[in-house]
Protein backbone atom coordinates (compact mmCIF):
# COMPACT_ATOMS: atom_id res chain seq x y z
CA MET A 1 0.00 0.00 0.00
CA LEU A 2 1.10 3.54 -0.79
CA TYR A 3 0.47 6.69 1.20
CA ALA A 4 -0.16 9.38 -1.41
CA VAL A 5 0.70 13.03 -0.77
CA ILE A 6 -0.63 15.63 -3.20
CA PRO A 7 0.88 19.11 -2.92
CA ALA A 8 -1.83 21.48 -4.19
CA GLY A 9 -0.50 25.01 -4.42
CA GLY A 10 0.34 27.75 -6.87
CA SER A 11 -2.00 29.81 -9.00
CA GLY A 12 -1.22 28.62 -12.55
CA THR A 13 -0.55 32.09 -13.91
CA ARG A 14 -0.05 30.86 -17.49
CA LEU A 15 -3.69 29.73 -17.43
CA TRP A 16 -5.02 33.17 -16.47
CA PRO A 17 -7.80 34.39 -16.45
CA LEU A 18 -9.32 30.95 -15.87
CA SER A 19 -6.83 30.07 -13.14
CA ARG A 20 -6.59 32.61 -10.30
CA SER A 21 -4.84 32.70 -6.95
CA GLY A 22 -8.14 31.95 -5.21
CA ASN A 23 -9.31 29.37 -7.76
CA PRO A 24 -6.17 27.75 -9.24
CA LYS A 25 -5.91 25.35 -12.13
CA PHE A 26 -5.99 22.14 -10.10
CA LEU A 27 -9.59 22.95 -9.07
CA HIS A 28 -10.69 23.21 -12.72
CA PRO A 29 -11.88 20.43 -15.08
CA LEU A 30 -9.07 20.54 -17.65
CA THR A 31 -8.90 16.78 -18.17
CA GLY A 32 -11.38 16.39 -21.01
CA THR A 33 -13.81 14.86 -18.47
CA GLU A 34 -15.98 16.13 -15.63
CA SER A 35 -13.13 15.57 -13.17
CA THR A 36 -10.91 18.44 -12.09
CA LEU A 37 -7.15 17.98 -12.23
CA LEU A 38 -7.12 17.38 -8.46
CA GLN A 39 -9.92 14.81 -8.63
CA ALA A 40 -8.23 13.04 -11.54
CA THR A 41 -5.00 12.81 -9.51
CA VAL A 42 -6.81 11.08 -6.65
CA GLU A 43 -8.74 8.81 -9.02
CA ARG A 44 -5.66 7.46 -10.78
CA LEU A 45 -3.98 6.72 -7.43
CA ALA A 46 -7.03 4.80 -6.16
CA PRO A 47 -5.73 1.31 -7.19
CA LEU A 48 -2.78 1.82 -4.81
CA THR A 49 -4.06 4.27 -2.21
CA PRO A 50 -7.36 4.26 -0.27
CA PRO A 51 -8.87 7.65 0.65
CA ASP A 52 -7.78 7.42 4.30
CA CYS A 53 -4.14 7.11 3.13
CA THR A 54 -4.42 10.10 0.78
CA TYR A 55 -3.13 13.47 2.00
CA VAL A 56 -3.45 16.86 0.32
CA VAL A 57 -1.20 19.76 1.36
CA THR A 58 -2.75 23.07 0.39
CA GLY A 59 -3.07 26.72 1.39
CA VAL A 60 -5.67 28.43 3.53
CA ALA A 61 -7.44 29.94 0.50
CA HIS A 62 -7.88 26.55 -1.19
CA ALA A 63 -8.67 24.24 1.74
CA ALA A 64 -12.45 24.54 1.45
CA GLY A 65 -12.38 23.92 -2.32
CA VAL A 66 -10.14 20.87 -1.88
CA ALA A 67 -12.42 19.42 0.81
CA ARG A 68 -15.50 20.05 -1.33
CA GLN A 69 -13.99 18.27 -4.34
CA LEU A 70 -12.65 15.30 -2.33
CA PRO A 71 -15.46 14.27 0.05
CA SER A 72 -14.01 10.76 0.50
CA VAL A 73 -10.67 12.06 1.84
CA PRO A 74 -10.80 12.49 5.65
CA GLU A 75 -10.80 16.11 6.79
CA ASP A 76 -7.73 15.45 8.95
CA ASN A 77 -5.82 14.42 5.81
CA ILE A 78 -6.13 17.88 4.29
CA LEU A 79 -3.06 19.61 5.67
CA VAL A 80 -3.33 23.40 5.57
CA GLU A 81 -0.06 25.33 5.40
CA PRO A 82 -0.29 28.90 6.75
CA SER A 83 1.84 30.29 3.90
CA PRO A 84 3.71 28.88 0.88
CA ARG A 85 7.17 27.58 1.83
CA ASP A 86 7.80 25.64 -1.42
CA SER A 87 7.60 21.89 -1.85
CA CYS A 88 10.08 20.59 0.72
CA ALA A 89 8.23 21.98 3.73
CA ALA A 90 4.87 20.76 2.38
CA ILE A 91 6.08 17.26 1.50
CA GLY A 92 8.24 17.03 4.61
CA LEU A 93 5.31 17.86 6.90
CA ALA A 94 3.23 15.11 5.32
CA ALA A 95 6.13 12.66 5.62
CA ALA A 96 6.56 13.45 9.33
CA LEU A 97 2.85 12.96 10.04
CA ILE A 98 2.73 9.70 8.06
CA ALA A 99 5.83 8.46 9.92
CA ASP A 100 4.06 9.04 13.24
CA ARG A 101 1.13 6.98 11.96
CA ASP A 102 3.14 4.25 10.22
CA PRO A 103 6.95 4.32 10.68
CA ASP A 104 7.52 1.78 7.86
CA ALA A 105 5.26 3.52 5.35
CA VAL A 106 6.08 4.02 1.68
CA MET A 107 4.94 7.44 0.53
CA GLY A 108 4.55 9.00 -2.90
CA SER A 109 4.29 12.68 -3.82
CA PHE A 110 2.29 13.69 -6.90
CA ALA A 111 1.41 17.20 -8.08
CA ALA A 112 -2.29 18.09 -8.12
CA ASP A 113 -2.19 19.72 -11.56
CA HIS A 114 -0.70 17.11 -13.89
CA LEU A 115 -2.51 15.09 -16.53
CA VAL A 116 -1.99 11.35 -17.16
CA ARG A 117 -3.63 9.65 -20.11
CA ASP A 118 -2.88 5.95 -19.40
CA GLY A 119 -3.87 5.24 -15.80
CA GLY A 120 -3.09 1.53 -16.03
CA GLU A 121 0.49 2.12 -17.18
CA PHE A 122 0.88 4.81 -14.52
CA VAL A 123 -0.04 2.29 -11.79
CA ARG A 124 2.32 -0.33 -13.26
CA VAL A 125 5.21 2.14 -13.19
CA LEU A 126 4.38 3.13 -9.63
CA ARG A 127 4.51 -0.50 -8.53
CA ASP A 128 8.10 -0.66 -9.81
CA ALA A 129 8.89 2.59 -7.99
CA ILE A 130 7.40 1.23 -4.76
CA ALA A 131 9.58 -1.86 -5.05
CA GLY A 132 12.66 0.34 -5.38
CA ALA A 133 11.59 2.46 -2.41
CA GLN A 134 11.18 -0.64 -0.24
CA GLN A 135 14.88 -1.33 -0.86
CA GLY A 136 15.77 2.04 0.67
CA LEU A 137 16.11 4.11 -2.50
CA LEU A 138 14.64 7.58 -2.97
CA MET A 139 12.69 6.96 -6.16
CA THR A 140 11.61 9.32 -8.90
CA VAL A 141 9.25 8.59 -11.75
CA GLY A 142 11.06 9.90 -14.83
CA ILE A 143 9.14 10.67 -18.01
CA SER A 144 10.46 9.28 -21.29
CA PRO A 145 11.09 12.45 -23.34
CA THR A 146 9.25 12.81 -26.63
CA ARG A 147 11.00 16.00 -27.79
CA PRO A 148 13.78 18.40 -26.81
CA GLU A 149 11.89 20.32 -24.11
CA THR A 150 13.49 23.40 -22.57
CA GLY A 151 10.76 23.91 -19.96
CA TYR A 152 11.54 20.78 -17.89
CA GLY A 153 14.42 19.65 -15.74
CA TYR A 154 16.11 16.33 -16.61
CA LEU A 155 17.36 13.25 -14.80
CA GLU A 156 20.73 11.90 -15.95
CA CYS A 157 20.41 8.13 -15.64
CA GLY A 158 23.18 5.71 -14.79
CA GLN A 159 23.32 1.94 -14.49
CA LEU A 160 20.39 -0.44 -14.35
CA LEU A 161 19.89 -1.96 -10.90
CA ASP A 162 19.30 -5.73 -10.72
CA GLY A 163 18.59 -5.88 -14.44
CA GLY A 164 16.04 -3.05 -14.44
CA PRO A 165 13.70 -1.31 -14.90
CA VAL A 166 15.06 0.74 -11.97
CA ARG A 167 18.05 2.89 -12.94
CA ARG A 168 20.39 4.92 -10.79
CA VAL A 169 20.03 8.70 -11.10
CA ASP A 170 23.51 10.20 -11.40
CA GLN A 171 22.49 13.85 -11.48
CA PHE A 172 19.59 16.30 -11.64
CA LYS A 173 19.92 18.75 -14.54
CA GLU A 174 18.39 22.22 -14.71
CA LYS A 175 16.17 23.38 -17.58
CA PRO A 176 18.53 23.32 -20.60
CA SER A 177 18.88 25.29 -23.80
CA TYR A 178 17.34 23.73 -26.92
CA GLU A 179 20.69 22.46 -28.15
CA VAL A 180 21.47 20.80 -24.82
CA ALA A 181 17.96 19.37 -24.58
CA HIS A 182 18.37 17.91 -28.07
CA SER A 183 21.62 16.22 -27.05
CA TYR A 184 19.92 14.81 -23.94
CA VAL A 185 17.12 13.23 -25.96
CA GLU A 186 19.53 11.87 -28.59
CA SER A 187 21.72 10.23 -25.94
CA GLY A 188 18.89 8.12 -24.50
CA ARG A 189 20.32 8.61 -20.98
CA TYR A 190 17.98 11.35 -19.80
CA LEU A 191 14.40 11.48 -18.56
CA TRP A 192 12.18 14.46 -17.83
CA ASN A 193 11.97 15.30 -14.14
CA ALA A 194 8.23 15.46 -13.38
CA SER A 195 8.83 15.78 -9.61
CA MET A 196 6.98 12.55 -8.82
CA PHE A 197 8.68 10.84 -5.89
CA VAL A 198 8.28 7.56 -3.99
CA TRP A 199 10.24 6.65 -0.83
CA ARG A 200 10.10 5.11 2.61
CA VAL A 201 9.30 7.91 5.03
CA ASP A 202 12.09 6.89 7.41
CA VAL A 203 14.69 7.02 4.61
CA PHE A 204 13.48 10.41 3.40
CA LEU A 205 13.37 11.95 6.87
CA ARG A 206 16.89 10.74 7.66
CA GLU A 207 18.17 12.30 4.45
CA LEU A 208 16.25 15.52 5.17
CA GLU A 209 17.90 15.66 8.61
CA ARG A 210 21.36 15.11 7.07
CA GLN A 211 21.02 17.84 4.46
CA GLN A 212 18.54 20.26 6.04
CA PRO A 213 18.79 19.85 9.82
CA GLY A 214 16.97 23.11 10.60
CA LEU A 215 14.04 22.28 8.33
CA HIS A 216 13.89 18.75 9.73
CA ALA A 217 13.87 20.05 13.31
CA GLY A 218 11.08 22.52 12.58
CA LEU A 219 8.90 19.92 10.88
CA THR A 220 9.52 17.43 13.68
CA ARG A 221 8.35 19.99 16.22
CA ILE A 222 5.20 20.78 14.20
CA ALA A 223 4.41 17.08 13.75
CA ALA A 224 4.79 16.44 17.50
CA ALA A 225 2.18 19.12 18.22
CA TRP A 226 -0.16 18.24 15.36
CA SER A 227 -2.64 16.16 17.39
CA THR A 228 -2.53 18.42 20.45
CA ASP A 229 -4.14 21.70 21.47
CA ASP A 230 -0.82 23.40 20.69
CA ARG A 231 -0.98 22.73 16.95
CA GLU A 232 -1.97 26.22 15.83
CA SER A 233 0.43 28.05 18.13
CA VAL A 234 3.40 25.85 17.18
CA LEU A 235 2.50 25.96 13.49
CA GLY A 236 2.19 29.75 13.63
CA GLU A 237 5.53 30.09 15.40
CA VAL A 238 7.63 27.57 13.46
CA TRP A 239 6.22 27.53 9.91
CA PRO A 240 7.31 31.08 8.92
CA THR A 241 10.89 30.23 9.96
CA LEU A 242 11.19 27.23 7.61
CA PRO A 243 13.36 27.79 4.51
CA LYS A 244 11.59 28.26 1.18
CA ILE A 245 13.17 25.50 -0.90
CA SER A 246 12.01 22.78 -3.25
CA VAL A 247 12.46 19.13 -2.36
CA ASP A 248 14.61 18.73 -5.48
CA TYR A 249 17.17 21.25 -4.22
CA ALA A 250 16.84 20.45 -0.52
CA VAL A 251 17.13 16.67 -0.67
CA MET A 252 17.10 14.94 -4.03
CA GLU A 253 20.13 16.54 -5.70
CA GLY A 254 22.37 15.84 -2.71
CA ALA A 255 20.94 12.35 -2.31
CA ALA A 256 21.71 11.62 -5.98
CA GLU A 257 25.34 12.60 -5.41
CA ALA A 258 25.37 10.10 -2.53
CA GLY A 259 24.03 7.34 -4.81
CA MET A 260 20.65 7.12 -3.06
CA VAL A 261 18.33 8.15 -5.91
CA ALA A 262 16.92 5.91 -8.63
CA THR A 263 14.20 6.23 -11.23
CA VAL A 264 11.69 4.23 -13.23
CA PRO A 265 10.95 5.50 -16.75
CA GLY A 266 7.31 6.22 -17.45
CA ASP A 267 5.48 6.51 -20.76
CA PHE A 268 1.86 7.06 -19.76
CA GLY A 269 0.83 10.26 -21.53
CA TRP A 270 2.05 12.69 -18.87
CA ASN A 271 1.61 16.44 -19.21
CA ASP A 272 1.90 19.26 -16.71
CA VAL A 273 -0.83 21.38 -18.41
CA GLY A 274 1.34 24.46 -18.23
CA ASP A 275 -0.50 26.76 -20.65
CA PHE A 276 -3.46 27.00 -23.03
CA HIS A 277 -1.44 26.03 -26.11
CA THR A 278 -0.43 22.78 -24.42
CA LEU A 279 -4.02 22.21 -23.35
CA GLY A 280 -5.07 22.59 -26.98
CA ASP A 281 -2.54 19.94 -28.03
CA ILE A 282 -3.65 17.31 -25.53
CA LEU A 283 -7.46 17.65 -25.58
CA GLY A 284 -9.67 16.47 -28.41
CA SER A 285 -10.28 18.87 -31.31
CA ASP A 286 -12.83 19.19 -34.10
CA GLU A 287 -12.08 18.61 -37.79
CA ARG A 288 -10.46 22.05 -38.06
CA GLY A 289 -8.27 21.62 -35.00
CA ASN A 290 -10.37 23.82 -32.71
CA VAL A 291 -10.48 22.88 -29.02
CA VAL A 292 -13.26 24.01 -26.71
CA VAL A 293 -12.56 23.73 -22.98
CA GLY A 294 -16.01 23.91 -21.38
CA PRO A 295 -16.95 24.08 -17.69
CA GLY A 296 -17.08 20.64 -16.14
CA ASP A 297 -20.36 21.14 -14.31
CA THR A 298 -22.56 21.91 -17.33
CA VAL A 299 -24.40 19.22 -19.25
CA GLU A 300 -24.99 21.38 -22.34
CA LYS A 301 -22.09 22.49 -24.48
CA PRO A 302 -21.29 26.22 -24.28
CA ASP A 303 -22.78 28.37 -27.04
CA MET A 304 -20.13 28.62 -29.75
CA LEU A 305 -20.04 29.89 -33.32
CA LEU A 306 -16.67 29.28 -34.95
CA VAL A 307 -16.81 30.18 -38.66
CA ASP A 308 -13.84 29.71 -40.99
CA SER A 309 -11.64 29.37 -37.91
CA ASP A 310 -8.79 26.92 -37.35
CA ARG A 311 -6.66 25.66 -34.47
CA LEU A 312 -8.29 27.86 -31.85
CA VAL A 313 -8.27 27.10 -28.13
CA VAL A 314 -11.52 28.53 -26.75
CA VAL A 315 -12.37 28.56 -23.05
CA PRO A 316 -15.96 29.82 -22.58
CA HIS A 317 -16.67 30.41 -18.89
CA SER A 318 -18.91 33.50 -18.94
CA GLY A 319 -22.18 32.12 -20.31
CA ARG A 320 -21.97 34.42 -23.35
CA LEU A 321 -21.91 33.33 -26.96
CA ILE A 322 -18.38 33.28 -28.36
CA ALA A 323 -18.28 33.86 -32.12
CA THR A 324 -15.15 33.90 -34.28
CA LEU A 325 -14.74 34.55 -37.99
CA GLY A 326 -11.65 33.90 -40.11
CA LEU A 327 -9.28 33.38 -37.18
CA SER A 328 -6.51 30.84 -36.69
CA ASP A 329 -3.96 29.81 -34.05
CA LEU A 330 -5.43 31.96 -31.28
CA ILE A 331 -6.39 31.47 -27.66
CA VAL A 332 -9.70 32.95 -26.49
CA VAL A 333 -10.55 32.73 -22.79
CA ASP A 334 -13.78 34.37 -21.66
CA THR A 335 -14.61 34.62 -17.95
CA PRO A 336 -17.23 36.83 -16.24
CA ASP A 337 -14.72 39.56 -15.33
CA ALA A 338 -11.83 39.18 -17.80
CA MET A 339 -11.12 38.09 -21.37
CA LEU A 340 -7.84 36.93 -22.87
CA VAL A 341 -7.05 36.85 -26.60
CA CYS A 342 -3.52 35.96 -27.72
CA PRO A 343 -1.64 33.91 -30.32
CA ARG A 344 -1.07 30.29 -29.38
CA ASP A 345 2.68 30.74 -29.74
CA ARG A 346 2.58 33.40 -26.99
CA ALA A 347 0.83 31.12 -24.48
CA GLN A 348 3.89 30.93 -22.24
CA ASP A 349 3.88 34.73 -21.94
CA VAL A 350 0.40 34.98 -20.36
CA LYS A 351 2.16 35.13 -17.00
CA MET A 352 3.39 38.59 -18.04
CA LEU A 353 -0.19 39.88 -17.91
CA VAL A 354 -0.60 38.65 -14.34
CA ASP A 355 2.67 40.34 -13.41
CA ARG A 356 1.47 43.61 -14.96
CA LEU A 357 -1.83 43.41 -13.06
CA LYS A 358 0.08 42.91 -9.81
CA GLU A 359 2.30 45.90 -10.65
CA ARG A 360 -0.88 47.96 -11.10
CA GLY A 361 -2.10 46.75 -7.71
CA ASP A 362 -5.12 45.01 -9.25
CA GLN A 363 -5.19 41.94 -6.99
CA ARG A 364 -8.91 41.48 -7.70
CA LEU A 365 -8.20 39.94 -11.10
CA THR A 366 -5.19 37.81 -10.18
């Protein structure tokens, strides 16, 4: 059995104005089904993880939405962090609480906002990762690269262990240039780093203590007070003092140098749904390549009129008719209080608009 931890944070600024700080992308149905990204994450883990062994780490602003979308997950398993401290604090807190409950537990960490097309293959790969974790390795699930991608980090793979499929991870690599990414893919020795991790909680916590003793001490103190009347006071005192650092930097890179990290390659239709252009590529389109991303809670299709238009990504969330004529390769996102229109090849730059709104002090729209 696997204890699943789902960090659910961030605001998905490249999916603005649909995704906002108070209603981020993981709470939206961007899967091509009625399920939100968060719900789909829990559903695909169900063959390995029952609801009472599923934990979600989220912020104060999102806790009610998470609980509403996941009624089968116990309320005590929704861990609310007072402020964002990056992934190591969030994952480390969950690990410490799981260790108190089950010292021999195997835990996995999976982002709330990723998309997986082949759930059966995903579970098969996780079973291999669990087997590696039971041997004391800090496991990652690496994604078999399909193209030279400059937006992802990479895992440099070493030798096969016991004949495979588990392979040693020699090094974590930062997001590369296109030329370097191309050489990575051509070599066959690199996988995308999707930040999916599986490990025994005792092994992870020991490594956290070795590399980040202050962070480990703070989390240990919070975990000790978690089931007492002192939880809120200790959390309020200690949490703001924890370093803001990702688990990759805090633990995994140093553990890889010590030979403790291994990976299992996965090819199960993974995508991190980073922007609207990507969403248009992975969801079903009509005969002219147009993709309509409708609200998940409506039975009827949104009112659309696309005439002589090709390869559009249209997100109708205002209730108004959206009509286009003679357009191609655009993104159109219509919400009740904001509309976005931009070329598909500028999808990565949508974050700039959110930054400009913040500079103007317009927090209402971000």
